[in-house]
Amino acid sequence: MSFSQIVIIGHIGNEPELKYTKNQTAILNLSIGVPEKLSPRAPMERKPKTYWHKCRRWGKNAEQLKTSLRKGDKLFIKGTLIYESWQDKTGSWHKDAIIEIEYSEKMYFENISIDLDSFK
C-alpha cells in the first residue's frame, strides 16, 4: 500500500483565483506562504524565509471556498502533492509542484489546535 499526504498551515499570498475548464468545472488556484521555523540559536538579525506552495481545489468546493477566502487569511490545508509539466511560449518545459486540496479550514485564532490523527 502507498500513501501520500501533505498538511500545511500558512497565509494566503494572493487573492484566490477562480477559473473554469472548457466543460465548466471550477478550479480555484491560490498560493500559501509558510514561514521557516528558525532555531532559537539563529542570529537575531536573520529573518525567516517564506516558502510558497501552489494549491488547487476543484468543483463546487472551489466555488464555495472562493466566497470565503481572501489574501492574508490563515488556512489549514490537507491534500496530495502532484507534479504538472507545461510548456511556455518559447517551447521550454517547466514542472510545478501543486497541492491538490482535499480538506481546508480557515483559521481565526493563533492558538487553534487541530487533531491530525483525525485525518487518517
C-alpha atoms as a PDB file:
ATOM      1  CA  MET A   1       0.000   0.000   0.000  1.00  0.00           C
ATOM      2  CA  SER A   2       1.214   3.501  -0.835  1.00  0.00           C
ATOM      3  CA  PHE A   3       0.117   6.751   0.728  1.00  0.00           C
ATOM      4  CA  SER A   4       0.931  10.393   0.064  1.00  0.00           C
ATOM      5  CA  GLN A   5      -0.442  13.314   2.050  1.00  0.00           C
ATOM      6  CA  ILE A   6       0.681  16.837   2.816  1.00  0.00           C
ATOM      7  CA  VAL A   7      -0.521  19.143   5.600  1.00  0.00           C
ATOM      8  CA  ILE A   8       0.360  22.838   5.782  1.00  0.00           C
ATOM      9  CA  ILE A   9      -0.765  25.860   7.767  1.00  0.00           C
ATOM     10  CA  GLY A  10       0.024  29.246   6.290  1.00  0.00           C
ATOM     11  CA  HIS A  11      -1.301  32.518   4.913  1.00  0.00           C
ATOM     12  CA  ILE A  12      -2.845  33.092   1.502  1.00  0.00           C
ATOM     13  CA  GLY A  13      -0.416  35.183  -0.529  1.00  0.00           C
ATOM     14  CA  ASN A  14      -2.691  36.433  -3.308  1.00  0.00           C
ATOM     15  CA  GLU A  15      -6.415  36.722  -3.968  1.00  0.00           C
ATOM     16  CA  PRO A  16      -7.673  33.211  -4.758  1.00  0.00           C
ATOM     17  CA  GLU A  17      -8.337  32.893  -8.498  1.00  0.00           C
ATOM     18  CA  LEU A  18     -11.406  31.016  -9.739  1.00  0.00           C
ATOM     19  CA  LYS A  19     -11.344  29.726 -13.329  1.00  0.00           C
ATOM     20  CA  TYR A  20     -13.405  27.254 -15.323  1.00  0.00           C
ATOM     21  CA  THR A  21     -12.386  24.451 -17.686  1.00  0.00           C
ATOM     22  CA  LYS A  22     -13.935  24.109 -21.167  1.00  0.00           C
ATOM     23  CA  ASN A  23     -16.631  21.845 -19.685  1.00  0.00           C
ATOM     24  CA  GLN A  24     -17.371  24.391 -16.897  1.00  0.00           C
ATOM     25  CA  THR A  25     -15.610  22.630 -13.990  1.00  0.00           C
ATOM     26  CA  ALA A  26     -14.474  25.205 -11.410  1.00  0.00           C
ATOM     27  CA  ILE A  27     -10.786  25.409 -10.417  1.00  0.00           C
ATOM     28  CA  LEU A  28      -9.613  27.574  -7.516  1.00  0.00           C
ATOM     29  CA  ASN A  29      -5.895  28.433  -7.528  1.00  0.00           C
ATOM     30  CA  LEU A  30      -4.132  30.033  -4.584  1.00  0.00           C
ATOM     31  CA  SER A  31      -0.701  30.230  -3.009  1.00  0.00           C
ATOM     32  CA  ILE A  32       0.027  29.585   0.658  1.00  0.00           C
ATOM     33  CA  GLY A  33       3.087  31.047   2.373  1.00  0.00           C
ATOM     34  CA  VAL A  34       4.657  29.091   5.219  1.00  0.00           C
ATOM     35  CA  PRO A  35       7.443  30.806   7.201  1.00  0.00           C
ATOM     36  CA  GLU A  36      10.624  28.923   8.006  1.00  0.00           C
ATOM     37  CA  LYS A  37      10.937  27.870  11.645  1.00  0.00           C
ATOM     38  CA  LEU A  38      14.219  29.317  12.946  1.00  0.00           C
ATOM     39  CA  SER A  39      16.267  27.733  15.691  1.00  0.00           C
ATOM     40  CA  PRO A  40      16.413  29.667  18.979  1.00  0.00           C
ATOM     41  CA  ARG A  41      20.184  29.844  18.364  1.00  0.00           C
ATOM     42  CA  ALA A  42      19.772  31.587  14.998  1.00  0.00           C
ATOM     43  CA  PRO A  43      21.226  35.110  14.840  1.00  0.00           C
ATOM     44  CA  MET A  44      18.659  37.747  15.825  1.00  0.00           C
ATOM     45  CA  GLU A  45      19.150  39.665  12.566  1.00  0.00           C
ATOM     46  CA  ARG A  46      18.296  36.598  10.466  1.00  0.00           C
ATOM     47  CA  LYS A  47      14.743  36.746   9.189  1.00  0.00           C
ATOM     48  CA  PRO A  48      12.846  33.550   8.356  1.00  0.00           C
ATOM     49  CA  LYS A  49      12.299  32.724   4.688  1.00  0.00           C
ATOM     50  CA  THR A  50       8.778  32.173   3.455  1.00  0.00           C
ATOM     51  CA  TYR A  51       8.158  29.071   1.361  1.00  0.00           C
ATOM     52  CA  TRP A  52       5.312  29.386  -1.163  1.00  0.00           C
ATOM     53  CA  HIS A  53       3.087  26.465  -2.175  1.00  0.00           C
ATOM     54  CA  LYS A  54       0.777  26.400  -5.187  1.00  0.00           C
ATOM     55  CA  CYS A  55      -2.596  24.951  -4.185  1.00  0.00           C
ATOM     56  CA  ARG A  56      -5.697  23.984  -6.139  1.00  0.00           C
ATOM     57  CA  ARG A  57      -9.298  22.913  -5.412  1.00  0.00           C
ATOM     58  CA  TRP A  58     -11.784  21.573  -7.979  1.00  0.00           C
ATOM     59  CA  GLY A  59     -15.566  21.622  -8.476  1.00  0.00           C
ATOM     60  CA  LYS A  60     -18.333  23.008  -6.263  1.00  0.00           C
ATOM     61  CA  ASN A  61     -15.972  23.147  -3.278  1.00  0.00           C
ATOM     62  CA  ALA A  62     -13.763  25.513  -5.276  1.00  0.00           C
ATOM     63  CA  GLU A  63     -16.681  27.892  -5.822  1.00  0.00           C
ATOM     64  CA  GLN A  64     -17.649  27.752  -2.137  1.00  0.00           C
ATOM     65  CA  LEU A  65     -14.064  28.405  -0.988  1.00  0.00           C
ATOM     66  CA  LYS A  66     -13.717  31.409  -3.296  1.00  0.00           C
ATOM     67  CA  THR A  67     -16.528  33.218  -1.472  1.00  0.00           C
ATOM     68  CA  SER A  68     -14.898  32.844   1.960  1.00  0.00           C
ATOM     69  CA  LEU A  69     -11.148  33.245   1.325  1.00  0.00           C
ATOM     70  CA  ARG A  70      -9.122  36.440   0.965  1.00  0.00           C
ATOM     71  CA  LYS A  71      -5.466  37.367   0.663  1.00  0.00           C
ATOM     72  CA  GLY A  72      -3.821  37.178   4.107  1.00  0.00           C
ATOM     73  CA  ASP A  73      -6.243  34.633   5.606  1.00  0.00           C
ATOM     74  CA  LYS A  74      -4.647  31.841   7.629  1.00  0.00           C
ATOM     75  CA  LEU A  75      -5.546  28.436   6.219  1.00  0.00           C
ATOM     76  CA  PHE A  76      -5.088  24.811   7.238  1.00  0.00           C
ATOM     77  CA  ILE A  77      -4.789  22.542   4.189  1.00  0.00           C
ATOM     78  CA  LYS A  78      -4.633  18.775   3.782  1.00  0.00           C
ATOM     79  CA  GLY A  79      -4.061  17.374   0.327  1.00  0.00           C
ATOM     80  CA  THR A  80      -1.983  15.426  -2.137  1.00  0.00           C
ATOM     81  CA  LEU A  81       1.197  16.679  -3.781  1.00  0.00           C
ATOM     82  CA  ILE A  82       1.188  16.321  -7.565  1.00  0.00           C
ATOM     83  CA  TYR A  83       3.586  17.425 -10.301  1.00  0.00           C
ATOM     84  CA  GLU A  84       2.487  19.052 -13.546  1.00  0.00           C
ATOM     85  CA  SER A  85       4.605  19.681 -16.619  1.00  0.00           C
ATOM     86  CA  TRP A  86       3.857  22.510 -19.011  1.00  0.00           C
ATOM     87  CA  GLN A  87       5.443  24.230 -21.983  1.00  0.00           C
ATOM     88  CA  ASP A  88       5.799  28.006 -22.266  1.00  0.00           C
ATOM     89  CA  LYS A  89       5.535  30.115 -25.452  1.00  0.00           C
ATOM     90  CA  THR A  90       9.256  29.707 -26.165  1.00  0.00           C
ATOM     91  CA  GLY A  91       8.980  25.901 -26.095  1.00  0.00           C
ATOM     92  CA  SER A  92      10.732  25.471 -22.730  1.00  0.00           C
ATOM     93  CA  TRP A  93       9.328  22.824 -20.395  1.00  0.00           C
ATOM     94  CA  HIS A  94       8.588  23.530 -16.723  1.00  0.00           C
ATOM     95  CA  LYS A  95       7.499  21.369 -13.802  1.00  0.00           C
ATOM     96  CA  ASP A  96       5.316  22.641 -10.930  1.00  0.00           C
ATOM     97  CA  ALA A  97       4.549  21.016  -7.591  1.00  0.00           C
ATOM     98  CA  ILE A  98       0.878  21.609  -6.707  1.00  0.00           C
ATOM     99  CA  ILE A  99      -1.105  20.643  -3.627  1.00  0.00           C
ATOM    100  CA  GLU A 100      -4.500  19.245  -4.646  1.00  0.00           C
ATOM    101  CA  ILE A 101      -6.643  20.353  -1.680  1.00  0.00           C
ATOM    102  CA  GLU A 102      -8.803  17.626  -0.163  1.00  0.00           C
ATOM    103  CA  TYR A 103      -9.688  19.485   3.046  1.00  0.00           C
ATOM    104  CA  SER A 104      -9.240  23.068   4.160  1.00  0.00           C
ATOM    105  CA  GLU A 105     -10.211  25.103   7.168  1.00  0.00           C
ATOM    106  CA  LYS A 106      -9.888  28.835   7.680  1.00  0.00           C
ATOM    107  CA  MET A 107      -8.139  29.574  10.981  1.00  0.00           C
ATOM    108  CA  TYR A 108      -9.330  32.540  13.012  1.00  0.00           C
ATOM    109  CA  PHE A 109      -7.083  32.272  16.077  1.00  0.00           C
ATOM    110  CA  GLU A 110      -3.379  31.515  16.523  1.00  0.00           C
ATOM    111  CA  ASN A 111      -3.894  29.022  19.329  1.00  0.00           C
ATOM    112  CA  ILE A 112      -6.232  26.630  17.498  1.00  0.00           C
ATOM    113  CA  SER A 113      -5.136  23.029  17.769  1.00  0.00           C
ATOM    114  CA  ILE A 114      -6.036  20.540  15.070  1.00  0.00           C
ATOM    115  CA  ASP A 115      -6.108  16.797  15.728  1.00  0.00           C
ATOM    116  CA  LEU A 116      -4.041  15.491  12.796  1.00  0.00           C
ATOM    117  CA  ASP A 117      -4.895  11.896  13.766  1.00  0.00           C
ATOM    118  CA  SER A 118      -8.487  12.542  12.671  1.00  0.00           C
ATOM    119  CA  PHE A 119      -7.305  12.704   9.021  1.00  0.00           C
ATOM    120  CA  LYS A 120      -6.103   9.101   8.821  1.00  0.00           C
END
